[in-house]
Amino acid sequence: MGVSGASGTPYAASVLRALLAAGESVDLVVSRASRLTLLDETGISFRDAHWRADLEEWLSRGADGKPGTFRVSVDDVRYWAAGDLAAGPSSGSYATKGMLIVPASTASVAGVALGLSKDLLQRAASVTLKEGRRLVVCVRETPLNGTTLRHLVSLDEAGAIVLPASPAFYAGATHIQDLVDFVAGRVLDAAEVPHQLYRRWKGELGSGSREG
């Protein structure tokens, strides 16, 4: 999983928690730009030397920023520094099921679409595509200009799943966490990872406004 510099760190936290709850082992790359976003949105400084403690603090927070909302073990997370281009995920021989970029900034979208591999996040995404593995790109930006749209089309044509961070309201959201979890759940659906993050549509009008 890669976390880029777009706004939307609660999306990344929700996806990470659900991956771990599903028993998945996660290789994590946090871009340098995303650290600034994380600091701005949560007040947490994400440091390579203290990544475990910083990650646990981040994942413990709800989408409203309240500490201690969740209890999460990060024992199944393997962290790779964004500048480490010799890291495992930089090679196609490093076995993974695929890759999720949550949130995906327009800069990371461009880098992957153009094959720049300027950091480990972009390199790992390029490897995922060349190996024919599943790449889910959760783009978080609005409005989208023509250049970014063309980059997204290129990713789609290369086999990636382009999944905008667009919350829906039919699941009966009553809290900001519900909206975040809906997007996270759709990311996990695209990755074929089981979860219970949102109420699925059952073909009954008005079900989103009812309990259950």
C-alpha atoms as a PDB file:
ATOM      1  CA  MET A   1       0.000   0.000   0.000  1.00  0.00           C
ATOM      2  CA  GLY A   2       1.223   3.447  -0.917  1.00  0.00           C
ATOM      3  CA  VAL A   3       0.116   6.690   0.745  1.00  0.00           C
ATOM      4  CA  SER A   4       0.747   9.771  -1.383  1.00  0.00           C
ATOM      5  CA  GLY A   5       0.480  13.476  -0.636  1.00  0.00           C
ATOM      6  CA  ALA A   6      -3.180  14.151  -1.466  1.00  0.00           C
ATOM      7  CA  SER A   7      -5.547  15.222   1.286  1.00  0.00           C
ATOM      8  CA  GLY A   8      -7.358  12.199   2.683  1.00  0.00           C
ATOM      9  CA  THR A   9      -5.184  10.495   5.281  1.00  0.00           C
ATOM     10  CA  PRO A  10      -8.332   9.143   7.037  1.00  0.00           C
ATOM     11  CA  TYR A  11      -9.025   7.095   3.887  1.00  0.00           C
ATOM     12  CA  ALA A  12      -5.568   5.537   4.126  1.00  0.00           C
ATOM     13  CA  ALA A  13      -5.998   4.792   7.831  1.00  0.00           C
ATOM     14  CA  SER A  14      -9.358   3.097   7.263  1.00  0.00           C
ATOM     15  CA  VAL A  15      -7.993   0.931   4.451  1.00  0.00           C
ATOM     16  CA  LEU A  16      -4.953  -0.060   6.508  1.00  0.00           C
ATOM     17  CA  ARG A  17      -7.038  -1.005   9.538  1.00  0.00           C
ATOM     18  CA  ALA A  18      -9.362  -3.112   7.392  1.00  0.00           C
ATOM     19  CA  LEU A  19      -6.492  -4.869   5.624  1.00  0.00           C
ATOM     20  CA  LEU A  20      -4.984  -5.839   8.964  1.00  0.00           C
ATOM     21  CA  ALA A  21      -8.386  -6.899  10.325  1.00  0.00           C
ATOM     22  CA  ALA A  22      -8.760  -9.171   7.291  1.00  0.00           C
ATOM     23  CA  GLY A  23      -5.475 -10.886   8.169  1.00  0.00           C
ATOM     24  CA  GLU A  24      -3.474  -9.334   5.340  1.00  0.00           C
ATOM     25  CA  SER A  25       0.227  -8.595   5.634  1.00  0.00           C
ATOM     26  CA  VAL A  26       0.931  -5.095   4.351  1.00  0.00           C
ATOM     27  CA  ASP A  27       4.016  -3.577   2.759  1.00  0.00           C
ATOM     28  CA  LEU A  28       3.658   0.151   3.435  1.00  0.00           C
ATOM     29  CA  VAL A  29       5.230   3.125   1.640  1.00  0.00           C
ATOM     30  CA  VAL A  30       4.494   6.638   2.892  1.00  0.00           C
ATOM     31  CA  SER A  31       5.664   9.319   0.471  1.00  0.00           C
ATOM     32  CA  ARG A  32       7.512  12.397   1.644  1.00  0.00           C
ATOM     33  CA  ALA A  33       4.705  14.662   0.501  1.00  0.00           C
ATOM     34  CA  SER A  34       2.130  12.594   2.404  1.00  0.00           C
ATOM     35  CA  ARG A  35       3.998  13.225   5.652  1.00  0.00           C
ATOM     36  CA  LEU A  36       3.254  16.927   5.301  1.00  0.00           C
ATOM     37  CA  THR A  37      -0.418  16.139   4.699  1.00  0.00           C
ATOM     38  CA  LEU A  38      -0.500  13.770   7.669  1.00  0.00           C
ATOM     39  CA  LEU A  39       1.096  16.409   9.893  1.00  0.00           C
ATOM     40  CA  ASP A  40      -1.414  19.008   8.717  1.00  0.00           C
ATOM     41  CA  GLU A  41      -4.491  16.764   9.036  1.00  0.00           C
ATOM     42  CA  THR A  42      -3.594  14.952  12.267  1.00  0.00           C
ATOM     43  CA  GLY A  43      -0.640  16.691  13.896  1.00  0.00           C
ATOM     44  CA  ILE A  44       1.352  13.429  13.677  1.00  0.00           C
ATOM     45  CA  SER A  45       4.959  13.513  12.491  1.00  0.00           C
ATOM     46  CA  PHE A  46       5.636  10.284  10.594  1.00  0.00           C
ATOM     47  CA  ARG A  47       9.314   9.364  11.010  1.00  0.00           C
ATOM     48  CA  ASP A  48      11.257   6.511   9.443  1.00  0.00           C
ATOM     49  CA  ALA A  49      13.092   5.762  12.688  1.00  0.00           C
ATOM     50  CA  HIS A  50       9.865   5.698  14.706  1.00  0.00           C
ATOM     51  CA  TRP A  51       7.407   4.508  12.069  1.00  0.00           C
ATOM     52  CA  ARG A  52       5.822   1.826  14.247  1.00  0.00           C
ATOM     53  CA  ALA A  53       4.828   4.168  17.080  1.00  0.00           C
ATOM     54  CA  ASP A  54       3.762   6.885  14.638  1.00  0.00           C
ATOM     55  CA  LEU A  55       1.686   4.435  12.598  1.00  0.00           C
ATOM     56  CA  GLU A  56      -0.050   3.052  15.680  1.00  0.00           C
ATOM     57  CA  GLU A  57      -0.924   6.581  16.813  1.00  0.00           C
ATOM     58  CA  TRP A  58      -2.251   7.432  13.353  1.00  0.00           C
ATOM     59  CA  LEU A  59      -4.371   4.292  12.997  1.00  0.00           C
ATOM     60  CA  SER A  60      -5.817   4.726  16.488  1.00  0.00           C
ATOM     61  CA  ARG A  61      -7.514   7.959  15.453  1.00  0.00           C
ATOM     62  CA  GLY A  62     -10.965   8.248  13.969  1.00  0.00           C
ATOM     63  CA  ALA A  63     -11.769  10.354  10.927  1.00  0.00           C
ATOM     64  CA  ASP A  64     -12.680  13.200  13.295  1.00  0.00           C
ATOM     65  CA  GLY A  65      -9.132  13.140  14.677  1.00  0.00           C
ATOM     66  CA  LYS A  66     -10.096  11.788  18.109  1.00  0.00           C
ATOM     67  CA  PRO A  67      -7.221   9.692  19.582  1.00  0.00           C
ATOM     68  CA  GLY A  68      -7.882   6.215  20.930  1.00  0.00           C
ATOM     69  CA  THR A  69     -10.906   5.540  18.720  1.00  0.00           C
ATOM     70  CA  PHE A  70      -9.419   2.281  17.391  1.00  0.00           C
ATOM     71  CA  ARG A  71      -7.042  -0.318  18.778  1.00  0.00           C
ATOM     72  CA  VAL A  72      -4.768  -1.682  16.070  1.00  0.00           C
ATOM     73  CA  SER A  73      -1.679  -3.894  16.045  1.00  0.00           C
ATOM     74  CA  VAL A  74       0.818  -3.142  13.271  1.00  0.00           C
ATOM     75  CA  ASP A  75       2.767  -6.380  13.665  1.00  0.00           C
ATOM     76  CA  ASP A  76       1.750  -7.416  10.143  1.00  0.00           C
ATOM     77  CA  VAL A  77       3.033  -4.204   8.556  1.00  0.00           C
ATOM     78  CA  ARG A  78       6.413  -4.043   6.857  1.00  0.00           C
ATOM     79  CA  TYR A  79       7.486  -0.461   6.324  1.00  0.00           C
ATOM     80  CA  TRP A  80       9.711   0.710   3.481  1.00  0.00           C
ATOM     81  CA  ALA A  81      11.176   4.217   3.232  1.00  0.00           C
ATOM     82  CA  ALA A  82       9.978   6.134   0.178  1.00  0.00           C
ATOM     83  CA  GLY A  83      13.536   6.828  -0.928  1.00  0.00           C
ATOM     84  CA  ASP A  84      14.636   3.191  -0.738  1.00  0.00           C
ATOM     85  CA  LEU A  85      14.634   2.160  -4.400  1.00  0.00           C
ATOM     86  CA  ALA A  86      16.381  -1.099  -3.453  1.00  0.00           C
ATOM     87  CA  ALA A  87      13.415  -2.132  -1.280  1.00  0.00           C
ATOM     88  CA  GLY A  88      11.594  -5.385  -1.863  1.00  0.00           C
ATOM     89  CA  PRO A  89       8.556  -3.912  -3.667  1.00  0.00           C
ATOM     90  CA  SER A  90      10.844  -2.278  -6.251  1.00  0.00           C
ATOM     91  CA  SER A  91      11.362  -5.691  -7.875  1.00  0.00           C
ATOM     92  CA  GLY A  92       8.886  -7.839  -9.742  1.00  0.00           C
ATOM     93  CA  SER A  93      10.330 -10.913  -8.037  1.00  0.00           C
ATOM     94  CA  TYR A  94       9.043  -9.610  -4.681  1.00  0.00           C
ATOM     95  CA  ALA A  95       5.735 -11.426  -4.314  1.00  0.00           C
ATOM     96  CA  THR A  96       2.642  -9.301  -3.634  1.00  0.00           C
ATOM     97  CA  LYS A  97      -1.071  -9.628  -4.390  1.00  0.00           C
ATOM     98  CA  GLY A  98      -1.180  -6.124  -5.810  1.00  0.00           C
ATOM     99  CA  MET A  99      -1.009  -2.511  -4.686  1.00  0.00           C
ATOM    100  CA  LEU A 100      -3.362   0.165  -3.370  1.00  0.00           C
ATOM    101  CA  ILE A 101      -2.526   3.880  -3.572  1.00  0.00           C
ATOM    102  CA  VAL A 102      -4.722   5.657  -1.020  1.00  0.00           C
ATOM    103  CA  PRO A 103      -5.061   8.557  -1.380  1.00  0.00           C
ATOM    104  CA  ALA A 104      -3.522   9.088  -4.808  1.00  0.00           C
ATOM    105  CA  SER A 105      -2.387  12.632  -5.567  1.00  0.00           C
ATOM    106  CA  THR A 106      -2.338  13.977  -9.115  1.00  0.00           C
ATOM    107  CA  ALA A 107       1.459  14.013  -8.889  1.00  0.00           C
ATOM    108  CA  SER A 108       1.591  10.306  -8.047  1.00  0.00           C
ATOM    109  CA  VAL A 109      -0.968   9.575 -10.777  1.00  0.00           C
ATOM    110  CA  ALA A 110       1.225  11.382 -13.302  1.00  0.00           C
ATOM    111  CA  GLY A 111       4.377   9.664 -12.083  1.00  0.00           C
ATOM    112  CA  VAL A 112       2.883   6.195 -12.377  1.00  0.00           C
ATOM    113  CA  ALA A 113       1.184   6.916 -15.715  1.00  0.00           C
ATOM    114  CA  LEU A 114       4.453   8.202 -17.185  1.00  0.00           C
ATOM    115  CA  GLY A 115       6.601   5.503 -15.582  1.00  0.00           C
ATOM    116  CA  LEU A 116       8.836   8.015 -13.800  1.00  0.00           C
ATOM    117  CA  SER A 117       9.614   5.824 -10.747  1.00  0.00           C
ATOM    118  CA  LYS A 118      10.920   8.880  -8.902  1.00  0.00           C
ATOM    119  CA  ASP A 119      10.347   7.204  -5.512  1.00  0.00           C
ATOM    120  CA  LEU A 120       9.459   3.773  -4.157  1.00  0.00           C
ATOM    121  CA  LEU A 121       5.713   4.417  -4.338  1.00  0.00           C
ATOM    122  CA  GLN A 122       5.857   5.126  -8.058  1.00  0.00           C
ATOM    123  CA  ARG A 123       8.326   2.333  -8.710  1.00  0.00           C
ATOM    124  CA  ALA A 124       6.227  -0.235  -6.831  1.00  0.00           C
ATOM    125  CA  ALA A 125       3.142   0.839  -8.783  1.00  0.00           C
ATOM    126  CA  SER A 126       4.995   0.486 -12.089  1.00  0.00           C
ATOM    127  CA  VAL A 127       6.174  -2.974 -11.030  1.00  0.00           C
ATOM    128  CA  THR A 128       2.605  -3.924 -10.107  1.00  0.00           C
ATOM    129  CA  LEU A 129       1.424  -2.988 -13.599  1.00  0.00           C
ATOM    130  CA  LYS A 130       4.242  -4.705 -15.467  1.00  0.00           C
ATOM    131  CA  GLU A 131       3.715  -7.889 -13.491  1.00  0.00           C
ATOM    132  CA  GLY A 132      -0.008  -7.871 -14.287  1.00  0.00           C
ATOM    133  CA  ARG A 133      -1.023  -7.493 -10.650  1.00  0.00           C
ATOM    134  CA  ARG A 134      -3.969  -5.488  -9.393  1.00  0.00           C
ATOM    135  CA  LEU A 135      -3.328  -1.762  -8.917  1.00  0.00           C
ATOM    136  CA  VAL A 136      -6.070   0.336  -7.311  1.00  0.00           C
ATOM    137  CA  VAL A 137      -5.597   4.101  -7.568  1.00  0.00           C
ATOM    138  CA  CYS A 138      -7.841   6.042  -5.180  1.00  0.00           C
ATOM    139  CA  VAL A 139      -7.476   9.511  -6.663  1.00  0.00           C
ATOM    140  CA  ARG A 140      -8.433  12.396  -4.359  1.00  0.00           C
ATOM    141  CA  GLU A 141      -8.603  15.704  -6.199  1.00  0.00           C
ATOM    142  CA  THR A 142     -11.243  18.064  -7.563  1.00  0.00           C
ATOM    143  CA  PRO A 143     -11.667  19.491 -10.102  1.00  0.00           C
ATOM    144  CA  LEU A 144      -9.670  17.290 -12.469  1.00  0.00           C
ATOM    145  CA  ASN A 145      -7.965  18.966 -15.418  1.00  0.00           C
ATOM    146  CA  GLY A 146      -7.422  17.430 -18.835  1.00  0.00           C
ATOM    147  CA  THR A 147      -3.846  16.366 -18.128  1.00  0.00           C
ATOM    148  CA  THR A 148      -4.810  14.374 -15.031  1.00  0.00           C
ATOM    149  CA  LEU A 149      -7.801  12.865 -16.816  1.00  0.00           C
ATOM    150  CA  ARG A 150      -5.526  11.678 -19.619  1.00  0.00           C
ATOM    151  CA  HIS A 151      -3.151  10.188 -17.044  1.00  0.00           C
ATOM    152  CA  LEU A 152      -6.066   8.355 -15.415  1.00  0.00           C
ATOM    153  CA  VAL A 153      -7.178   7.003 -18.783  1.00  0.00           C
ATOM    154  CA  SER A 154      -3.612   5.796 -19.366  1.00  0.00           C
ATOM    155  CA  LEU A 155      -3.668   3.973 -16.037  1.00  0.00           C
ATOM    156  CA  ASP A 156      -7.024   2.410 -16.875  1.00  0.00           C
ATOM    157  CA  GLU A 157      -5.686   1.253 -20.228  1.00  0.00           C
ATOM    158  CA  ALA A 158      -2.630  -0.194 -18.473  1.00  0.00           C
ATOM    159  CA  GLY A 159      -4.904  -2.319 -16.294  1.00  0.00           C
ATOM    160  CA  ALA A 160      -5.211  -0.222 -13.136  1.00  0.00           C
ATOM    161  CA  ILE A 161      -8.518   0.320 -11.352  1.00  0.00           C
ATOM    162  CA  VAL A 162      -9.171   4.054 -11.058  1.00  0.00           C
ATOM    163  CA  LEU A 163     -11.325   4.629  -7.981  1.00  0.00           C
ATOM    164  CA  PRO A 164     -12.096   8.261  -7.100  1.00  0.00           C
ATOM    165  CA  ALA A 165     -12.570   9.021  -3.418  1.00  0.00           C
ATOM    166  CA  SER A 166     -16.302   9.668  -3.836  1.00  0.00           C
ATOM    167  CA  PRO A 167     -18.409   8.853  -0.753  1.00  0.00           C
ATOM    168  CA  ALA A 168     -21.997   7.697  -1.294  1.00  0.00           C
ATOM    169  CA  PHE A 169     -24.948   8.356   1.001  1.00  0.00           C
ATOM    170  CA  TYR A 170     -27.239   5.384   0.397  1.00  0.00           C
ATOM    171  CA  ALA A 171     -25.502   3.386   3.131  1.00  0.00           C
ATOM    172  CA  GLY A 172     -27.029   5.565   5.854  1.00  0.00           C
ATOM    173  CA  ALA A 173     -23.995   7.607   6.887  1.00  0.00           C
ATOM    174  CA  THR A 174     -24.437   9.486  10.170  1.00  0.00           C
ATOM    175  CA  HIS A 175     -20.797  10.338  10.904  1.00  0.00           C
ATOM    176  CA  ILE A 176     -17.725  11.431   8.971  1.00  0.00           C
ATOM    177  CA  GLN A 177     -16.212   7.995   9.709  1.00  0.00           C
ATOM    178  CA  ASP A 178     -19.077   6.362   7.775  1.00  0.00           C
ATOM    179  CA  LEU A 179     -18.251   8.393   4.664  1.00  0.00           C
ATOM    180  CA  VAL A 180     -14.557   7.604   4.977  1.00  0.00           C
ATOM    181  CA  ASP A 181     -15.262   3.915   5.513  1.00  0.00           C
ATOM    182  CA  PHE A 182     -17.477   3.776   2.425  1.00  0.00           C
ATOM    183  CA  VAL A 183     -14.599   4.879   0.195  1.00  0.00           C
ATOM    184  CA  ALA A 184     -12.200   2.557   2.020  1.00  0.00           C
ATOM    185  CA  GLY A 185     -14.645  -0.291   1.566  1.00  0.00           C
ATOM    186  CA  ARG A 186     -14.900   0.331  -2.173  1.00  0.00           C
ATOM    187  CA  VAL A 187     -11.090   0.231  -2.374  1.00  0.00           C
ATOM    188  CA  LEU A 188     -11.110  -3.128  -0.596  1.00  0.00           C
ATOM    189  CA  ASP A 189     -13.906  -4.383  -2.861  1.00  0.00           C
ATOM    190  CA  ALA A 190     -11.709  -3.568  -5.857  1.00  0.00           C
ATOM    191  CA  ALA A 191      -8.858  -5.467  -4.213  1.00  0.00           C
ATOM    192  CA  GLU A 192     -11.161  -8.400  -3.365  1.00  0.00           C
ATOM    193  CA  VAL A 193     -10.471  -8.115   0.357  1.00  0.00           C
ATOM    194  CA  PRO A 194     -13.449  -8.960   2.639  1.00  0.00           C
ATOM    195  CA  HIS A 195     -14.623  -6.272   5.040  1.00  0.00           C
ATOM    196  CA  GLN A 196     -17.666  -4.897   6.847  1.00  0.00           C
ATOM    197  CA  LEU A 197     -16.985  -1.192   6.483  1.00  0.00           C
ATOM    198  CA  TYR A 198     -20.305  -0.150   4.964  1.00  0.00           C
ATOM    199  CA  ARG A 199     -23.881  -1.290   4.437  1.00  0.00           C
ATOM    200  CA  ARG A 200     -24.299  -2.715   0.945  1.00  0.00           C
ATOM    201  CA  TRP A 201     -27.142  -1.801  -1.390  1.00  0.00           C
ATOM    202  CA  LYS A 202     -29.885  -4.445  -1.341  1.00  0.00           C
ATOM    203  CA  GLY A 203     -32.275  -2.971  -3.880  1.00  0.00           C
ATOM    204  CA  GLU A 204     -34.648  -1.478  -1.322  1.00  0.00           C
ATOM    205  CA  LEU A 205     -35.398   2.228  -1.648  1.00  0.00           C
ATOM    206  CA  GLY A 206     -35.049   4.095   1.627  1.00  0.00           C
ATOM    207  CA  SER A 207     -32.864   1.437   3.248  1.00  0.00           C
ATOM    208  CA  GLY A 208     -30.130   3.985   3.845  1.00  0.00           C
ATOM    209  CA  SER A 209     -32.343   5.936   6.207  1.00  0.00           C
ATOM    210  CA  ARG A 210     -33.330   2.890   8.257  1.00  0.00           C
ATOM    211  CA  GLU A 211     -31.466   1.143  11.027  1.00  0.00           C
ATOM    212  CA  GLY A 212     -30.016  -2.345  10.432  1.00  0.00           C
END
